[in-house]
Amino acid sequence: MSDVFDVLADPTRRDIVDLLRSGSEKSVGQLVEALGITQPTVSKHLKVLRDAGVVVAREEGQHRYYRFDESSLVEVRSWVGGSPSLSTAPHEPFVDLRAPGVAVGSLAKDLMTWIDDVVAKVRL
C-alpha cells in the first residue's frame, strides 16, 4: 500500500491519473500534449504508475494506450476510511498529538475527497 502513496505523491503522476480517470484511453502522445512536458518524462511516470497497478497499458501496433484502473485504490480507500470497529473504540492519547493530528487528518480528508472524486468520475 505504501507504494500507491509514493506513486500518488508526485504531482505529475496525479495529473496523469486525472487525465485518465475519465474512463477513456489516452496515448502517450495525447498525454504529452495535454501535460505540456516531454515524452520521456511522461513515459517515466507512466512506468511508475503501471508498475503500481494504477494504470493499465494496451498495445496497438507501435502505440500504447493507457487507462486508469480504479481497483488500484481499493486498499487506500479502505485504509483511509478506517475500520468501523476501530473508529468507534475509545482512544486515550499518551501524548499531545493535536497539531500533527490536525495536519494528518486534513491530509487524509483531502486524499479521501480526491479518491472519491476519481472513483465517481470513473463510474460515470
N, C-alpha and C. Protein backbone atom coordinates (compact mmCIF):
# COMPACT_ATOMS: atom_id res chain seq x y z
N MET A 1 0.83 -1.20 0.00
CA MET A 1 0.00 0.00 0.00
C MET A 1 0.86 1.25 0.00
N SER A 2 2.01 1.23 0.66
CA SER A 2 2.86 2.42 0.67
C SER A 2 3.32 2.77 -0.73
N ASP A 3 3.42 1.77 -1.60
CA ASP A 3 3.81 2.06 -2.97
C ASP A 3 2.80 2.99 -3.65
N VAL A 4 1.52 2.79 -3.40
CA VAL A 4 0.50 3.64 -4.01
C VAL A 4 0.61 5.06 -3.48
N PHE A 5 0.89 5.21 -2.19
CA PHE A 5 1.09 6.55 -1.63
C PHE A 5 2.29 7.22 -2.27
N ASP A 6 3.39 6.47 -2.42
CA ASP A 6 4.57 7.03 -3.06
C ASP A 6 4.27 7.44 -4.50
N VAL A 7 3.53 6.61 -5.19
CA VAL A 7 3.19 6.88 -6.59
C VAL A 7 2.33 8.14 -6.70
N LEU A 8 1.33 8.26 -5.84
CA LEU A 8 0.41 9.39 -5.92
C LEU A 8 0.97 10.66 -5.28
N ALA A 9 2.12 10.55 -4.63
CA ALA A 9 2.72 11.73 -4.01
C ALA A 9 3.26 12.71 -5.06
N ASP A 10 3.55 12.22 -6.25
CA ASP A 10 4.11 13.07 -7.29
C ASP A 10 3.01 13.81 -8.04
N PRO A 11 3.09 15.15 -8.13
CA PRO A 11 2.03 15.92 -8.79
C PRO A 11 1.85 15.58 -10.27
N THR A 12 2.92 15.25 -10.96
CA THR A 12 2.80 14.91 -12.38
C THR A 12 2.02 13.61 -12.54
N ARG A 13 2.29 12.66 -11.67
CA ARG A 13 1.55 11.39 -11.75
C ARG A 13 0.08 11.60 -11.40
N ARG A 14 -0.20 12.48 -10.45
CA ARG A 14 -1.60 12.78 -10.14
C ARG A 14 -2.28 13.44 -11.34
N ASP A 15 -1.54 14.31 -12.04
CA ASP A 15 -2.10 14.94 -13.25
C ASP A 15 -2.41 13.88 -14.31
N ILE A 16 -1.53 12.91 -14.47
CA ILE A 16 -1.76 11.83 -15.44
C ILE A 16 -3.01 11.04 -15.04
N VAL A 17 -3.12 10.69 -13.76
CA VAL A 17 -4.30 9.96 -13.29
C VAL A 17 -5.56 10.78 -13.53
N ASP A 18 -5.50 12.08 -13.26
CA ASP A 18 -6.66 12.94 -13.51
C ASP A 18 -7.08 12.91 -14.97
N LEU A 19 -6.11 12.89 -15.88
CA LEU A 19 -6.43 12.85 -17.31
C LEU A 19 -7.02 11.50 -17.71
N LEU A 20 -6.57 10.43 -17.06
CA LEU A 20 -7.02 9.09 -17.44
C LEU A 20 -8.30 8.64 -16.73
N ARG A 21 -8.66 9.29 -15.66
CA ARG A 21 -9.79 8.81 -14.88
C ARG A 21 -11.14 9.05 -15.55
N SER A 22 -11.16 9.76 -16.66
CA SER A 22 -12.41 9.97 -17.39
C SER A 22 -12.94 8.66 -17.96
N GLY A 23 -12.09 7.63 -17.97
CA GLY A 23 -12.51 6.34 -18.48
C GLY A 23 -12.05 6.09 -19.90
N SER A 24 -11.65 7.14 -20.60
CA SER A 24 -11.17 6.95 -21.96
C SER A 24 -9.67 6.71 -21.97
N GLU A 25 -9.23 5.88 -22.88
CA GLU A 25 -7.81 5.62 -23.03
C GLU A 25 -7.13 6.80 -23.69
N LYS A 26 -5.86 6.98 -23.35
CA LYS A 26 -5.07 8.04 -23.99
C LYS A 26 -3.71 7.47 -24.36
N SER A 27 -3.21 7.92 -25.51
CA SER A 27 -1.88 7.52 -25.92
C SER A 27 -0.85 8.38 -25.21
N VAL A 28 0.40 7.95 -25.27
CA VAL A 28 1.48 8.73 -24.67
C VAL A 28 1.51 10.12 -25.31
N GLY A 29 1.34 10.18 -26.63
CA GLY A 29 1.34 11.46 -27.33
C GLY A 29 0.24 12.40 -26.85
N GLN A 30 -0.93 11.85 -26.61
CA GLN A 30 -2.04 12.68 -26.11
C GLN A 30 -1.73 13.21 -24.71
N LEU A 31 -1.10 12.38 -23.88
CA LEU A 31 -0.73 12.81 -22.54
C LEU A 31 0.36 13.87 -22.58
N VAL A 32 1.33 13.70 -23.48
CA VAL A 32 2.40 14.69 -23.65
C VAL A 32 1.80 16.04 -24.02
N GLU A 33 0.88 16.01 -24.97
CA GLU A 33 0.24 17.25 -25.43
C GLU A 33 -0.57 17.91 -24.31
N ALA A 34 -1.32 17.11 -23.58
CA ALA A 34 -2.18 17.66 -22.53
C ALA A 34 -1.37 18.20 -21.35
N LEU A 35 -0.25 17.55 -21.04
CA LEU A 35 0.55 17.95 -19.88
C LEU A 35 1.59 19.01 -20.20
N GLY A 36 1.98 19.08 -21.47
CA GLY A 36 3.00 20.06 -21.86
C GLY A 36 4.39 19.73 -21.35
N ILE A 37 4.67 18.45 -21.19
CA ILE A 37 6.02 18.01 -20.78
C ILE A 37 6.54 17.02 -21.81
N THR A 38 7.79 16.64 -21.68
CA THR A 38 8.43 15.82 -22.70
C THR A 38 7.92 14.38 -22.66
N GLN A 39 8.06 13.71 -23.80
CA GLN A 39 7.64 12.32 -23.91
C GLN A 39 8.42 11.41 -22.96
N PRO A 40 9.76 11.57 -22.84
CA PRO A 40 10.47 10.70 -21.89
C PRO A 40 9.99 10.88 -20.44
N THR A 41 9.64 12.10 -20.08
CA THR A 41 9.15 12.35 -18.72
C THR A 41 7.80 11.67 -18.51
N VAL A 42 6.91 11.80 -19.48
CA VAL A 42 5.59 11.14 -19.38
C VAL A 42 5.77 9.63 -19.32
N SER A 43 6.63 9.09 -20.16
CA SER A 43 6.86 7.64 -20.17
C SER A 43 7.41 7.14 -18.85
N LYS A 44 8.31 7.91 -18.24
CA LYS A 44 8.89 7.55 -16.94
C LYS A 44 7.79 7.47 -15.88
N HIS A 45 6.91 8.47 -15.86
CA HIS A 45 5.83 8.48 -14.88
C HIS A 45 4.81 7.37 -15.15
N LEU A 46 4.54 7.11 -16.43
CA LEU A 46 3.61 6.03 -16.78
C LEU A 46 4.14 4.67 -16.32
N LYS A 47 5.45 4.47 -16.42
CA LYS A 47 6.04 3.22 -15.96
C LYS A 47 5.83 3.04 -14.47
N VAL A 48 6.03 4.10 -13.70
CA VAL A 48 5.81 4.04 -12.25
C VAL A 48 4.34 3.72 -11.96
N LEU A 49 3.44 4.40 -12.65
CA LEU A 49 2.00 4.17 -12.46
C LEU A 49 1.61 2.74 -12.87
N ARG A 50 2.18 2.27 -13.96
CA ARG A 50 1.88 0.93 -14.45
C ARG A 50 2.41 -0.13 -13.47
N ASP A 51 3.64 0.05 -12.99
CA ASP A 51 4.23 -0.91 -12.04
C ASP A 51 3.42 -0.99 -10.75
N ALA A 52 2.80 0.10 -10.35
CA ALA A 52 1.99 0.13 -9.13
C ALA A 52 0.56 -0.34 -9.40
N GLY A 53 0.20 -0.57 -10.67
CA GLY A 53 -1.14 -1.03 -11.00
C GLY A 53 -2.18 0.07 -11.07
N VAL A 54 -1.74 1.34 -11.07
CA VAL A 54 -2.68 2.46 -11.10
C VAL A 54 -3.20 2.67 -12.52
N VAL A 55 -2.38 2.37 -13.51
CA VAL A 55 -2.82 2.44 -14.91
C VAL A 55 -2.53 1.11 -15.59
N VAL A 56 -3.27 0.86 -16.66
CA VAL A 56 -3.10 -0.35 -17.46
C VAL A 56 -2.80 0.09 -18.88
N ALA A 57 -1.85 -0.59 -19.52
CA ALA A 57 -1.47 -0.25 -20.89
C ALA A 57 -2.03 -1.30 -21.86
N ARG A 58 -2.42 -0.80 -23.02
CA ARG A 58 -2.86 -1.67 -24.12
C ARG A 58 -2.03 -1.31 -25.32
N GLU A 59 -1.39 -2.31 -25.92
CA GLU A 59 -0.56 -2.05 -27.10
C GLU A 59 -1.38 -2.26 -28.36
N GLU A 60 -1.18 -1.33 -29.29
CA GLU A 60 -1.81 -1.43 -30.61
C GLU A 60 -0.76 -0.99 -31.61
N GLY A 61 -0.17 -1.96 -32.29
CA GLY A 61 0.94 -1.64 -33.18
C GLY A 61 2.11 -1.12 -32.36
N GLN A 62 2.62 0.04 -32.73
CA GLN A 62 3.74 0.65 -32.01
C GLN A 62 3.27 1.63 -30.94
N HIS A 63 1.98 1.73 -30.76
CA HIS A 63 1.43 2.69 -29.80
C HIS A 63 0.93 1.98 -28.55
N ARG A 64 1.04 2.69 -27.44
CA ARG A 64 0.48 2.21 -26.18
C ARG A 64 -0.62 3.17 -25.74
N TYR A 65 -1.71 2.59 -25.31
CA TYR A 65 -2.84 3.38 -24.81
C TYR A 65 -3.03 3.03 -23.33
N TYR A 66 -3.18 4.06 -22.53
CA TYR A 66 -3.27 3.88 -21.08
C TYR A 66 -4.65 4.23 -20.58
N ARG A 67 -5.06 3.51 -19.53
CA ARG A 67 -6.31 3.83 -18.84
C ARG A 67 -6.10 3.65 -17.35
N PHE A 68 -6.89 4.37 -16.57
CA PHE A 68 -6.84 4.31 -15.12
C PHE A 68 -7.50 3.02 -14.64
N ASP A 69 -6.92 2.38 -13.62
CA ASP A 69 -7.50 1.18 -13.03
C ASP A 69 -7.91 1.51 -11.60
N GLU A 70 -9.20 1.75 -11.39
CA GLU A 70 -9.68 2.20 -10.08
C GLU A 70 -9.47 1.16 -8.99
N SER A 71 -9.34 -0.10 -9.36
CA SER A 71 -9.14 -1.14 -8.33
C SER A 71 -7.83 -0.95 -7.58
N SER A 72 -6.90 -0.20 -8.16
CA SER A 72 -5.62 0.04 -7.50
C SER A 72 -5.77 0.88 -6.24
N LEU A 73 -6.87 1.59 -6.08
CA LEU A 73 -7.06 2.45 -4.92
C LEU A 73 -7.97 1.84 -3.86
N VAL A 74 -8.39 0.59 -4.04
CA VAL A 74 -9.29 -0.04 -3.08
C VAL A 74 -8.64 -0.13 -1.70
N GLU A 75 -7.39 -0.57 -1.63
CA GLU A 75 -6.71 -0.68 -0.34
C GLU A 75 -6.54 0.68 0.31
N VAL A 76 -6.19 1.69 -0.48
CA VAL A 76 -6.01 3.03 0.06
C VAL A 76 -7.34 3.54 0.61
N ARG A 77 -8.39 3.36 -0.14
CA ARG A 77 -9.73 3.81 0.29
C ARG A 77 -10.11 3.13 1.60
N SER A 78 -9.85 1.84 1.68
CA SER A 78 -10.17 1.08 2.88
C SER A 78 -9.35 1.57 4.06
N TRP A 79 -8.07 1.80 3.83
CA TRP A 79 -7.19 2.25 4.91
C TRP A 79 -7.58 3.65 5.40
N VAL A 80 -7.82 4.56 4.47
CA VAL A 80 -8.17 5.92 4.84
C VAL A 80 -9.54 5.96 5.51
N GLY A 81 -10.45 5.13 5.04
CA GLY A 81 -11.79 5.09 5.62
C GLY A 81 -11.80 4.47 7.01
N GLY A 82 -10.83 3.63 7.28
CA GLY A 82 -10.73 3.01 8.60
C GLY A 82 -11.70 1.87 8.78
N SER A 83 -11.59 1.22 9.89
CA SER A 83 -12.44 0.10 10.24
C SER A 83 -13.52 0.59 11.20
N PRO A 84 -14.79 0.21 10.97
CA PRO A 84 -15.84 0.66 11.88
C PRO A 84 -15.55 0.27 13.33
N SER A 85 -14.99 -0.91 13.56
CA SER A 85 -14.73 -1.33 14.93
C SER A 85 -13.64 -0.48 15.57
N LEU A 86 -12.69 0.01 14.77
CA LEU A 86 -11.63 0.85 15.31
C LEU A 86 -12.10 2.28 15.51
N SER A 87 -12.94 2.78 14.61
CA SER A 87 -13.33 4.18 14.68
C SER A 87 -14.27 4.46 15.85
N THR A 88 -14.96 3.45 16.37
CA THR A 88 -15.88 3.67 17.48
C THR A 88 -15.23 3.37 18.82
N ALA A 89 -14.04 2.79 18.81
CA ALA A 89 -13.36 2.46 20.06
C ALA A 89 -12.86 3.74 20.73
N PRO A 90 -12.95 3.80 22.07
CA PRO A 90 -12.44 4.99 22.76
C PRO A 90 -10.92 5.05 22.67
N HIS A 91 -10.41 6.25 22.54
CA HIS A 91 -8.97 6.44 22.42
C HIS A 91 -8.47 7.28 23.58
N GLU A 92 -7.36 6.87 24.14
CA GLU A 92 -6.74 7.64 25.20
C GLU A 92 -5.35 8.01 24.74
N PRO A 93 -5.10 9.29 24.46
CA PRO A 93 -3.77 9.68 23.96
C PRO A 93 -2.73 9.61 25.08
N PHE A 94 -1.53 9.22 24.69
CA PHE A 94 -0.41 9.18 25.62
C PHE A 94 0.39 10.46 25.56
N VAL A 95 0.31 11.16 24.43
CA VAL A 95 0.99 12.44 24.25
C VAL A 95 0.05 13.38 23.51
N ASP A 96 0.34 14.66 23.57
CA ASP A 96 -0.49 15.64 22.87
C ASP A 96 -0.16 15.61 21.38
N LEU A 97 -1.06 15.07 20.60
CA LEU A 97 -0.85 14.95 19.16
C LEU A 97 -1.82 15.82 18.37
N ARG A 98 -2.36 16.86 19.01
CA ARG A 98 -3.35 17.68 18.33
C ARG A 98 -2.83 18.32 17.05
N ALA A 99 -1.70 19.01 17.11
CA ALA A 99 -1.19 19.71 15.92
C ALA A 99 -0.86 18.73 14.79
N PRO A 100 -0.05 17.68 15.05
CA PRO A 100 0.20 16.73 13.96
C PRO A 100 -1.07 16.00 13.53
N GLY A 101 -1.95 15.74 14.50
CA GLY A 101 -3.20 15.05 14.16
C GLY A 101 -4.07 15.85 13.22
N VAL A 102 -4.13 17.16 13.44
CA VAL A 102 -4.91 18.03 12.57
C VAL A 102 -4.31 18.02 11.16
N ALA A 103 -2.98 18.06 11.08
CA ALA A 103 -2.33 18.06 9.77
C ALA A 103 -2.58 16.74 9.04
N VAL A 104 -2.41 15.63 9.74
CA VAL A 104 -2.64 14.32 9.12
C VAL A 104 -4.12 14.15 8.79
N GLY A 105 -4.99 14.59 9.67
CA GLY A 105 -6.42 14.49 9.40
C GLY A 105 -6.82 15.28 8.17
N SER A 106 -6.24 16.47 8.02
CA SER A 106 -6.52 17.29 6.85
C SER A 106 -6.03 16.61 5.58
N LEU A 107 -4.83 16.03 5.65
CA LEU A 107 -4.28 15.32 4.50
C LEU A 107 -5.15 14.12 4.16
N ALA A 108 -5.56 13.35 5.18
CA ALA A 108 -6.40 12.18 4.94
C ALA A 108 -7.74 12.59 4.34
N LYS A 109 -8.31 13.69 4.82
CA LYS A 109 -9.58 14.17 4.29
C LYS A 109 -9.43 14.58 2.82
N ASP A 110 -8.34 15.30 2.50
CA ASP A 110 -8.08 15.69 1.12
C ASP A 110 -7.90 14.47 0.23
N LEU A 111 -7.18 13.46 0.74
CA LEU A 111 -6.95 12.24 -0.03
C LEU A 111 -8.27 11.50 -0.26
N MET A 112 -9.10 11.42 0.77
CA MET A 112 -10.41 10.76 0.63
C MET A 112 -11.27 11.48 -0.41
N THR A 113 -11.27 12.81 -0.36
CA THR A 113 -12.05 13.58 -1.32
C THR A 113 -11.55 13.32 -2.74
N TRP A 114 -10.22 13.30 -2.90
CA TRP A 114 -9.63 13.07 -4.22
C TRP A 114 -9.98 11.67 -4.71
N ILE A 115 -9.86 10.66 -3.85
CA ILE A 115 -10.16 9.28 -4.24
C ILE A 115 -11.64 9.15 -4.59
N ASP A 116 -12.52 9.73 -3.77
CA ASP A 116 -13.96 9.68 -4.06
C ASP A 116 -14.26 10.33 -5.41
N ASP A 117 -13.59 11.44 -5.70
CA ASP A 117 -13.78 12.14 -6.97
C ASP A 117 -13.32 11.27 -8.13
N VAL A 118 -12.16 10.63 -7.98
CA VAL A 118 -11.63 9.76 -9.03
C VAL A 118 -12.58 8.59 -9.28
N VAL A 119 -13.01 7.93 -8.21
CA VAL A 119 -13.90 6.78 -8.34
C VAL A 119 -15.23 7.20 -8.96
N ALA A 120 -15.79 8.33 -8.53
CA ALA A 120 -17.06 8.81 -9.07
C ALA A 120 -16.97 9.09 -10.56
N LYS A 121 -15.88 9.72 -10.97
CA LYS A 121 -15.74 10.07 -12.39
C LYS A 121 -15.51 8.84 -13.24
N VAL A 122 -14.83 7.84 -12.70
CA VAL A 122 -14.58 6.61 -13.46
C VAL A 122 -15.87 5.84 -13.64
N ARG A 123 -16.74 5.90 -12.65
CA ARG A 123 -18.01 5.15 -12.72
C ARG A 123 -19.04 5.81 -13.61
N LEU A 124 -18.82 7.07 -14.03
CA LEU A 124 -19.79 7.76 -14.87
C LEU A 124 -19.91 7.14 -16.22
